[in-house]
Amino acid sequence: VSLAWDDPGATPSALFQLVNDLDLRLISPSGQEFAP
């Protein structure tokens, strides 16, 4: 399972360039969590 999004440009001096930090997680029927 993939997640991709268009992110606006950050200011050039920003420590991290990602503006919108989305987090993908999958949760199984038994409750086990899977991270990217």
PDB file of all heavy atoms in Angstrom:
ATOM      1  N   VAL A   1       0.867  -1.173   0.000  1.00  0.00           N
ATOM      2  CA  VAL A   1       0.000   0.000   0.000  1.00  0.00           C
ATOM      3  C   VAL A   1       0.905   1.224   0.000  1.00  0.00           C
ATOM      4  O   VAL A   1       1.823   1.330   0.818  1.00  0.00           O
ATOM      5  CB  VAL A   1      -0.935   0.018   1.233  1.00  0.00           C
ATOM      6  CG1 VAL A   1      -1.767   1.291   1.255  1.00  0.00           C
ATOM      7  CG2 VAL A   1      -1.830  -1.213   1.237  1.00  0.00           C
ATOM      8  N   SER A   2       0.637   2.136  -0.933  1.00  0.00           N
ATOM      9  CA  SER A   2       1.458   3.339  -1.067  1.00  0.00           C
ATOM     10  C   SER A   2       0.619   4.587  -0.872  1.00  0.00           C
ATOM     11  O   SER A   2      -0.570   4.606  -1.186  1.00  0.00           O
ATOM     12  CB  SER A   2       2.115   3.388  -2.448  1.00  0.00           C
ATOM     13  OG  SER A   2       2.982   2.299  -2.617  1.00  0.00           O
ATOM     14  N   LEU A   3       1.257   5.629  -0.385  1.00  0.00           N
ATOM     15  CA  LEU A   3       0.653   6.946  -0.218  1.00  0.00           C
ATOM     16  C   LEU A   3       1.615   7.947  -0.831  1.00  0.00           C
ATOM     17  O   LEU A   3       2.814   7.929  -0.523  1.00  0.00           O
ATOM     18  CB  LEU A   3       0.443   7.250   1.271  1.00  0.00           C
ATOM     19  CG  LEU A   3      -0.010   8.656   1.640  1.00  0.00           C
ATOM     20  CD1 LEU A   3      -1.431   8.903   1.125  1.00  0.00           C
ATOM     21  CD2 LEU A   3       0.047   8.852   3.147  1.00  0.00           C
ATOM     22  N   ALA A   4       1.099   8.790  -1.714  1.00  0.00           N
ATOM     23  CA  ALA A   4       1.918   9.842  -2.325  1.00  0.00           C
ATOM     24  C   ALA A   4       1.073  11.104  -2.401  1.00  0.00           C
ATOM     25  O   ALA A   4      -0.127  11.035  -2.661  1.00  0.00           O
ATOM     26  CB  ALA A   4       2.377   9.427  -3.719  1.00  0.00           C
ATOM     27  N   TRP A   5       1.676  12.248  -2.163  1.00  0.00           N
ATOM     28  CA  TRP A   5       0.943  13.511  -2.218  1.00  0.00           C
ATOM     29  C   TRP A   5       1.848  14.620  -2.712  1.00  0.00           C
ATOM     30  O   TRP A   5       3.057  14.570  -2.588  1.00  0.00           O
ATOM     31  CB  TRP A   5       0.355  13.870  -0.844  1.00  0.00           C
ATOM     32  CG  TRP A   5       1.372  14.159   0.236  1.00  0.00           C
ATOM     33  CD1 TRP A   5       1.812  15.391   0.650  1.00  0.00           C
ATOM     34  CD2 TRP A   5       2.069  13.216   1.053  1.00  0.00           C
ATOM     35  NE1 TRP A   5       2.732  15.276   1.657  1.00  0.00           N
ATOM     36  CE2 TRP A   5       2.907  13.940   1.936  1.00  0.00           C
ATOM     37  CE3 TRP A   5       2.070  11.830   1.145  1.00  0.00           C
ATOM     38  CZ2 TRP A   5       3.731  13.335   2.878  1.00  0.00           C
ATOM     39  CZ3 TRP A   5       2.894  11.231   2.074  1.00  0.00           C
ATOM     40  CH2 TRP A   5       3.701  11.974   2.928  1.00  0.00           C
ATOM     41  N   ASP A   6       1.207  15.639  -3.310  1.00  0.00           N
ATOM     42  CA  ASP A   6       1.927  16.835  -3.738  1.00  0.00           C
ATOM     43  C   ASP A   6       2.100  17.716  -2.508  1.00  0.00           C
ATOM     44  O   ASP A   6       1.150  17.981  -1.783  1.00  0.00           O
ATOM     45  CB  ASP A   6       1.147  17.602  -4.812  1.00  0.00           C
ATOM     46  CG  ASP A   6       1.073  16.830  -6.118  1.00  0.00           C
ATOM     47  OD1 ASP A   6       2.019  16.072  -6.405  1.00  0.00           O
ATOM     48  OD2 ASP A   6       0.086  16.981  -6.846  1.00  0.00           O
ATOM     49  N   ASP A   7       3.303  18.157  -2.275  1.00  0.00           N
ATOM     50  CA  ASP A   7       3.601  18.981  -1.112  1.00  0.00           C
ATOM     51  C   ASP A   7       4.054  20.355  -1.599  1.00  0.00           C
ATOM     52  O   ASP A   7       4.876  20.434  -2.512  1.00  0.00           O
ATOM     53  CB  ASP A   7       4.713  18.308  -0.293  1.00  0.00           C
ATOM     54  CG  ASP A   7       4.659  18.659   1.175  1.00  0.00           C
ATOM     55  OD1 ASP A   7       3.586  18.472   1.775  1.00  0.00           O
ATOM     56  OD2 ASP A   7       5.672  19.123   1.719  1.00  0.00           O
ATOM     57  N   PRO A   8       3.552  21.435  -1.008  1.00  0.00           N
ATOM     58  CA  PRO A   8       4.008  22.757  -1.429  1.00  0.00           C
ATOM     59  C   PRO A   8       5.486  22.945  -1.081  1.00  0.00           C
ATOM     60  O   PRO A   8       6.001  22.295  -0.163  1.00  0.00           O
ATOM     61  CB  PRO A   8       3.128  23.715  -0.644  1.00  0.00           C
ATOM     62  CG  PRO A   8       2.679  22.945   0.542  1.00  0.00           C
ATOM     63  CD  PRO A   8       2.595  21.506   0.090  1.00  0.00           C
ATOM     64  N   GLY A   9       6.130  23.815  -1.802  1.00  0.00           N
ATOM     65  CA  GLY A   9       7.543  24.083  -1.542  1.00  0.00           C
ATOM     66  C   GLY A   9       7.757  24.741  -0.194  1.00  0.00           C
ATOM     67  O   GLY A   9       7.004  25.643   0.207  1.00  0.00           O
ATOM     68  N   ALA A  10       8.741  24.278   0.536  1.00  0.00           N
ATOM     69  CA  ALA A  10       9.093  24.883   1.822  1.00  0.00           C
ATOM     70  C   ALA A  10       9.997  26.078   1.565  1.00  0.00           C
ATOM     71  O   ALA A  10      10.511  26.268   0.459  1.00  0.00           O
ATOM     72  CB  ALA A  10       9.815  23.859   2.695  1.00  0.00           C
ATOM     73  N   THR A  11      10.217  26.870   2.577  1.00  0.00           N
ATOM     74  CA  THR A  11      11.155  27.977   2.437  1.00  0.00           C
ATOM     75  C   THR A  11      12.554  27.388   2.261  1.00  0.00           C
ATOM     76  O   THR A  11      12.874  26.354   2.858  1.00  0.00           O
ATOM     77  CB  THR A  11      11.123  28.908   3.664  1.00  0.00           C
ATOM     78  OG1 THR A  11      11.423  28.136   4.826  1.00  0.00           O
ATOM     79  CG2 THR A  11       9.769  29.567   3.821  1.00  0.00           C
ATOM     80  N   PRO A  12      13.388  28.008   1.435  1.00  0.00           N
ATOM     81  CA  PRO A  12      14.718  27.444   1.161  1.00  0.00           C
ATOM     82  C   PRO A  12      15.574  27.201   2.401  1.00  0.00           C
ATOM     83  O   PRO A  12      16.398  26.316   2.414  1.00  0.00           O
ATOM     84  CB  PRO A  12      15.367  28.488   0.247  1.00  0.00           C
ATOM     85  CG  PRO A  12      14.216  29.185  -0.398  1.00  0.00           C
ATOM     86  CD  PRO A  12      13.119  29.207   0.646  1.00  0.00           C
ATOM     87  N   SER A  13      15.368  27.970   3.457  1.00  0.00           N
ATOM     88  CA  SER A  13      16.199  27.824   4.654  1.00  0.00           C
ATOM     89  C   SER A  13      15.628  26.821   5.659  1.00  0.00           C
ATOM     90  O   SER A  13      16.214  26.602   6.714  1.00  0.00           O
ATOM     91  CB  SER A  13      16.351  29.184   5.339  1.00  0.00           C
ATOM     92  OG  SER A  13      15.073  29.667   5.734  1.00  0.00           O
ATOM     93  N   ALA A  14      14.520  26.181   5.332  1.00  0.00           N
ATOM     94  CA  ALA A  14      13.891  25.238   6.270  1.00  0.00           C
ATOM     95  C   ALA A  14      14.800  24.044   6.516  1.00  0.00           C
ATOM     96  O   ALA A  14      15.429  23.525   5.594  1.00  0.00           O
ATOM     97  CB  ALA A  14      12.544  24.773   5.727  1.00  0.00           C
ATOM     98  N   LEU A  15      14.870  23.601   7.770  1.00  0.00           N
ATOM     99  CA  LEU A  15      15.690  22.439   8.122  1.00  0.00           C
ATOM    100  C   LEU A  15      15.172  21.198   7.400  1.00  0.00           C
ATOM    101  O   LEU A  15      15.937  20.407   6.877  1.00  0.00           O
ATOM    102  CB  LEU A  15      15.682  22.227   9.640  1.00  0.00           C
ATOM    103  CG  LEU A  15      16.523  21.068  10.169  1.00  0.00           C
ATOM    104  CD1 LEU A  15      17.988  21.245   9.773  1.00  0.00           C
ATOM    105  CD2 LEU A  15      16.385  20.959  11.671  1.00  0.00           C
ATOM    106  N   PHE A  16      13.836  21.014   7.380  1.00  0.00           N
ATOM    107  CA  PHE A  16      13.209  19.930   6.637  1.00  0.00           C
ATOM    108  C   PHE A  16      12.336  20.547   5.559  1.00  0.00           C
ATOM    109  O   PHE A  16      11.622  21.508   5.810  1.00  0.00           O
ATOM    110  CB  PHE A  16      12.356  19.040   7.559  1.00  0.00           C
ATOM    111  CG  PHE A  16      13.164  18.291   8.571  1.00  0.00           C
ATOM    112  CD1 PHE A  16      13.195  18.679   9.894  1.00  0.00           C
ATOM    113  CD2 PHE A  16      13.905  17.190   8.182  1.00  0.00           C
ATOM    114  CE1 PHE A  16      13.953  17.990  10.820  1.00  0.00           C
ATOM    115  CE2 PHE A  16      14.669  16.488   9.102  1.00  0.00           C
ATOM    116  CZ  PHE A  16      14.692  16.890  10.421  1.00  0.00           C
ATOM    117  N   GLN A  17      12.393  19.996   4.360  1.00  0.00           N
ATOM    118  CA  GLN A  17      11.666  20.559   3.241  1.00  0.00           C
ATOM    119  C   GLN A  17      10.214  20.085   3.169  1.00  0.00           C
ATOM    120  O   GLN A  17       9.415  20.657   2.452  1.00  0.00           O
ATOM    121  CB  GLN A  17      12.387  20.237   1.930  1.00  0.00           C
ATOM    122  CG  GLN A  17      13.788  20.823   1.853  1.00  0.00           C
ATOM    123  CD  GLN A  17      13.787  22.342   1.904  1.00  0.00           C
ATOM    124  OE1 GLN A  17      13.039  22.990   1.187  1.00  0.00           O
ATOM    125  NE2 GLN A  17      14.616  22.914   2.751  1.00  0.00           N
ATOM    126  N   LEU A  18       9.850  19.042   3.917  1.00  0.00           N
ATOM    127  CA  LEU A  18       8.493  18.528   3.883  1.00  0.00           C
ATOM    128  C   LEU A  18       7.579  19.459   4.678  1.00  0.00           C
ATOM    129  O   LEU A  18       7.822  19.749   5.842  1.00  0.00           O
ATOM    130  CB  LEU A  18       8.459  17.120   4.483  1.00  0.00           C
ATOM    131  CG  LEU A  18       7.158  16.349   4.342  1.00  0.00           C
ATOM    132  CD1 LEU A  18       6.811  16.123   2.874  1.00  0.00           C
ATOM    133  CD2 LEU A  18       7.240  15.021   5.071  1.00  0.00           C
ATOM    134  N   VAL A  19       6.506  19.940   4.037  1.00  0.00           N
ATOM    135  CA  VAL A  19       5.558  20.834   4.699  1.00  0.00           C
ATOM    136  C   VAL A  19       4.450  20.027   5.366  1.00  0.00           C
ATOM    137  O   VAL A  19       4.131  20.234   6.528  1.00  0.00           O
ATOM    138  CB  VAL A  19       4.967  21.849   3.686  1.00  0.00           C
ATOM    139  CG1 VAL A  19       3.869  22.670   4.322  1.00  0.00           C
ATOM    140  CG2 VAL A  19       6.074  22.740   3.131  1.00  0.00           C
ATOM    141  N   ASN A  20       3.840  19.103   4.624  1.00  0.00           N
ATOM    142  CA  ASN A  20       2.756  18.272   5.147  1.00  0.00           C
ATOM    143  C   ASN A  20       3.289  16.867   5.414  1.00  0.00           C
ATOM    144  O   ASN A  20       3.597  16.135   4.490  1.00  0.00           O
ATOM    145  CB  ASN A  20       1.598  18.207   4.147  1.00  0.00           C
ATOM    146  CG  ASN A  20       0.974  19.561   3.936  1.00  0.00           C
ATOM    147  OD1 ASN A  20       0.480  20.165   4.871  1.00  0.00           O
ATOM    148  ND2 ASN A  20       1.014  20.062   2.716  1.00  0.00           N
ATOM    149  N   ASP A  21       3.394  16.508   6.673  1.00  0.00           N
ATOM    150  CA  ASP A  21       3.936  15.207   7.062  1.00  0.00           C
ATOM    151  C   ASP A  21       2.786  14.229   7.279  1.00  0.00           C
ATOM    152  O   ASP A  21       2.196  14.181   8.358  1.00  0.00           O
ATOM    153  CB  ASP A  21       4.780  15.338   8.325  1.00  0.00           C
ATOM    154  CG  ASP A  21       5.423  14.037   8.742  1.00  0.00           C
ATOM    155  OD1 ASP A  21       5.385  13.060   7.959  1.00  0.00           O
ATOM    156  OD2 ASP A  21       5.967  13.980   9.858  1.00  0.00           O
ATOM    157  N   LEU A  22       2.447  13.474   6.231  1.00  0.00           N
ATOM    158  CA  LEU A  22       1.406  12.457   6.346  1.00  0.00           C
ATOM    159  C   LEU A  22       2.055  11.148   6.772  1.00  0.00           C
ATOM    160  O   LEU A  22       3.201  10.871   6.434  1.00  0.00           O
ATOM    161  CB  LEU A  22       0.695  12.273   5.003  1.00  0.00           C
ATOM    162  CG  LEU A  22       0.085  13.534   4.385  1.00  0.00           C
ATOM    163  CD1 LEU A  22      -0.665  13.173   3.111  1.00  0.00           C
ATOM    164  CD2 LEU A  22      -0.826  14.250   5.351  1.00  0.00           C
ATOM    165  N   ASP A  23       1.332  10.347   7.539  1.00  0.00           N
ATOM    166  CA  ASP A  23       1.869   9.081   8.044  1.00  0.00           C
ATOM    167  C   ASP A  23       0.945   7.938   7.663  1.00  0.00           C
ATOM    168  O   ASP A  23      -0.226   7.928   8.038  1.00  0.00           O
ATOM    169  CB  ASP A  23       2.027   9.129   9.567  1.00  0.00           C
ATOM    170  CG  ASP A  23       3.061  10.153   9.989  1.00  0.00           C
ATOM    171  OD1 ASP A  23       4.184  10.085   9.462  1.00  0.00           O
ATOM    172  OD2 ASP A  23       2.755  11.008  10.827  1.00  0.00           O
ATOM    173  N   LEU A  24       1.476   6.988   6.912  1.00  0.00           N
ATOM    174  CA  LEU A  24       0.726   5.814   6.487  1.00  0.00           C
ATOM    175  C   LEU A  24       0.954   4.684   7.485  1.00  0.00           C
ATOM    176  O   LEU A  24       2.096   4.388   7.851  1.00  0.00           O
ATOM    177  CB  LEU A  24       1.198   5.371   5.096  1.00  0.00           C
ATOM    178  CG  LEU A  24       0.575   4.112   4.521  1.00  0.00           C
ATOM    179  CD1 LEU A  24      -0.925   4.290   4.330  1.00  0.00           C
ATOM    180  CD2 LEU A  24       1.238   3.765   3.189  1.00  0.00           C
ATOM    181  N   ARG A  25      -0.129   4.063   7.925  1.00  0.00           N
ATOM    182  CA  ARG A  25      -0.065   2.897   8.800  1.00  0.00           C
ATOM    183  C   ARG A  25      -1.123   1.916   8.338  1.00  0.00           C
ATOM    184  O   ARG A  25      -2.222   2.302   7.951  1.00  0.00           O
ATOM    185  CB  ARG A  25      -0.367   3.263  10.257  1.00  0.00           C
ATOM    186  CG  ARG A  25       0.663   4.155  10.913  1.00  0.00           C
ATOM    187  CD  ARG A  25       1.976   3.411  11.126  1.00  0.00           C
ATOM    188  NE  ARG A  25       2.930   4.180  11.866  1.00  0.00           N
ATOM    189  CZ  ARG A  25       3.791   5.028  11.342  1.00  0.00           C
ATOM    190  NH1 ARG A  25       3.790   5.248  10.056  1.00  0.00           N
ATOM    191  NH2 ARG A  25       4.663   5.664  12.093  1.00  0.00           N
ATOM    192  N   LEU A  26      -0.808   0.633   8.394  1.00  0.00           N
ATOM    193  CA  LEU A  26      -1.790  -0.417   8.147  1.00  0.00           C
ATOM    194  C   LEU A  26      -2.004  -1.142   9.463  1.00  0.00           C
ATOM    195  O   LEU A  26      -1.043  -1.459  10.167  1.00  0.00           O
ATOM    196  CB  LEU A  26      -1.294  -1.402   7.091  1.00  0.00           C
ATOM    197  CG  LEU A  26      -1.074  -0.865   5.683  1.00  0.00           C
ATOM    198  CD1 LEU A  26      -0.688  -1.997   4.739  1.00  0.00           C
ATOM    199  CD2 LEU A  26      -2.303  -0.157   5.168  1.00  0.00           C
ATOM    200  N   ILE A  27      -3.270  -1.412   9.776  1.00  0.00           N
ATOM    201  CA  ILE A  27      -3.627  -2.136  10.988  1.00  0.00           C
ATOM    202  C   ILE A  27      -4.349  -3.407  10.560  1.00  0.00           C
ATOM    203  O   ILE A  27      -5.359  -3.352   9.860  1.00  0.00           O
ATOM    204  CB  ILE A  27      -4.550  -1.300  11.906  1.00  0.00           C
ATOM    205  CG1 ILE A  27      -3.999   0.110  12.133  1.00  0.00           C
ATOM    206  CG2 ILE A  27      -4.789  -2.036  13.221  1.00  0.00           C
ATOM    207  CD1 ILE A  27      -2.687   0.174  12.853  1.00  0.00           C
ATOM    208  N   SER A  28      -3.819  -4.555  10.962  1.00  0.00           N
ATOM    209  CA  SER A  28      -4.433  -5.840  10.596  1.00  0.00           C
ATOM    210  C   SER A  28      -5.700  -6.056  11.409  1.00  0.00           C
ATOM    211  O   SER A  28      -5.921  -5.387  12.433  1.00  0.00           O
ATOM    212  CB  SER A  28      -3.445  -6.975  10.848  1.00  0.00           C
ATOM    213  OG  SER A  28      -3.314  -7.196  12.240  1.00  0.00           O
ATOM    214  N   PRO A  29      -6.544  -6.998  10.990  1.00  0.00           N
ATOM    215  CA  PRO A  29      -7.749  -7.306  11.764  1.00  0.00           C
ATOM    216  C   PRO A  29      -7.448  -7.694  13.221  1.00  0.00           C
ATOM    217  O   PRO A  29      -8.250  -7.453  14.109  1.00  0.00           O
ATOM    218  CB  PRO A  29      -8.378  -8.478  11.001  1.00  0.00           C
ATOM    219  CG  PRO A  29      -7.919  -8.281   9.598  1.00  0.00           C
ATOM    220  CD  PRO A  29      -6.510  -7.740   9.729  1.00  0.00           C
ATOM    221  N   SER A  30      -6.277  -8.257  13.465  1.00  0.00           N
ATOM    222  CA  SER A  30      -5.922  -8.637  14.838  1.00  0.00           C
ATOM    223  C   SER A  30      -5.253  -7.498  15.612  1.00  0.00           C
ATOM    224  O   SER A  30      -4.885  -7.654  16.768  1.00  0.00           O
ATOM    225  CB  SER A  30      -4.990  -9.857  14.828  1.00  0.00           C
ATOM    226  OG  SER A  30      -3.763  -9.526  14.197  1.00  0.00           O
ATOM    227  N   GLY A  31      -5.077  -6.341  14.945  1.00  0.00           N
ATOM    228  CA  GLY A  31      -4.529  -5.166  15.626  1.00  0.00           C
ATOM    229  C   GLY A  31      -3.049  -4.924  15.420  1.00  0.00           C
ATOM    230  O   GLY A  31      -2.503  -3.962  15.953  1.00  0.00           O
ATOM    231  N   GLN A  32      -2.371  -5.758  14.642  1.00  0.00           N
ATOM    232  CA  GLN A  32      -0.943  -5.545  14.393  1.00  0.00           C
ATOM    233  C   GLN A  32      -0.766  -4.337  13.478  1.00  0.00           C
ATOM    234  O   GLN A  32      -1.457  -4.192  12.478  1.00  0.00           O
ATOM    235  CB  GLN A  32      -0.307  -6.775  13.755  1.00  0.00           C
ATOM    236  CG  GLN A  32       1.190  -6.637  13.589  1.00  0.00           C
ATOM    237  CD  GLN A  32       1.844  -7.910  13.063  1.00  0.00           C
ATOM    238  OE1 GLN A  32       1.199  -8.907  12.793  1.00  0.00           O
ATOM    239  NE2 GLN A  32       3.154  -7.860  12.908  1.00  0.00           N
ATOM    240  N   GLU A  33       0.164  -3.457  13.822  1.00  0.00           N
ATOM    241  CA  GLU A  33       0.420  -2.241  13.045  1.00  0.00           C
ATOM    242  C   GLU A  33       1.652  -2.420  12.168  1.00  0.00           C
ATOM    243  O   GLU A  33       2.671  -2.938  12.616  1.00  0.00           O
ATOM    244  CB  GLU A  33       0.627  -1.048  13.979  1.00  0.00           C
ATOM    245  CG  GLU A  33       0.836   0.256  13.245  1.00  0.00           C
ATOM    246  CD  GLU A  33       0.897   1.449  14.167  1.00  0.00           C
ATOM    247  OE1 GLU A  33      -0.028   1.630  14.982  1.00  0.00           O
ATOM    248  OE2 GLU A  33       1.873   2.214  14.073  1.00  0.00           O
ATOM    249  N   PHE A  34       1.540  -1.958  10.924  1.00  0.00           N
ATOM    250  CA  PHE A  34       2.645  -2.015   9.971  1.00  0.00           C
ATOM    251  C   PHE A  34       2.977  -0.594   9.529  1.00  0.00           C
ATOM    252  O   PHE A  34       2.097   0.166   9.132  1.00  0.00           O
ATOM    253  CB  PHE A  34       2.259  -2.866   8.751  1.00  0.00           C
ATOM    254  CG  PHE A  34       1.963  -4.297   9.099  1.00  0.00           C
ATOM    255  CD1 PHE A  34       0.689  -4.691   9.446  1.00  0.00           C
ATOM    256  CD2 PHE A  34       2.976  -5.236   9.105  1.00  0.00           C
ATOM    257  CE1 PHE A  34       0.402  -6.006   9.777  1.00  0.00           C
ATOM    258  CE2 PHE A  34       2.712  -6.558   9.436  1.00  0.00           C
ATOM    259  CZ  PHE A  34       1.425  -6.947   9.779  1.00  0.00           C
ATOM    260  N   ALA A  35       4.264  -0.232   9.588  1.00  0.00           N
ATOM    261  CA  ALA A  35       4.735   1.111   9.252  1.00  0.00           C
ATOM    262  C   ALA A  35       5.482   1.082   7.916  1.00  0.00           C
ATOM    263  O   ALA A  35       5.897   0.019   7.450  1.00  0.00           O
ATOM    264  CB  ALA A  35       5.648   1.631  10.362  1.00  0.00           C
ATOM    265  N   PRO A  36       5.685   2.252   7.311  1.00  0.00           N
ATOM    266  CA  PRO A  36       6.361   2.305   6.011  1.00  0.00           C
ATOM    267  C   PRO A  36       7.869   2.081   6.106  1.00  0.00           C
ATOM    268  O   PRO A  36       8.472   2.197   7.172  1.00  0.00           O
ATOM    269  CB  PRO A  36       6.057   3.728   5.523  1.00  0.00           C
ATOM    270  CG  PRO A  36       5.880   4.520   6.763  1.00  0.00           C
ATOM    271  CD  PRO A  36       5.249   3.577   7.752  1.00  0.00           C
TER     272      PRO A  36
END
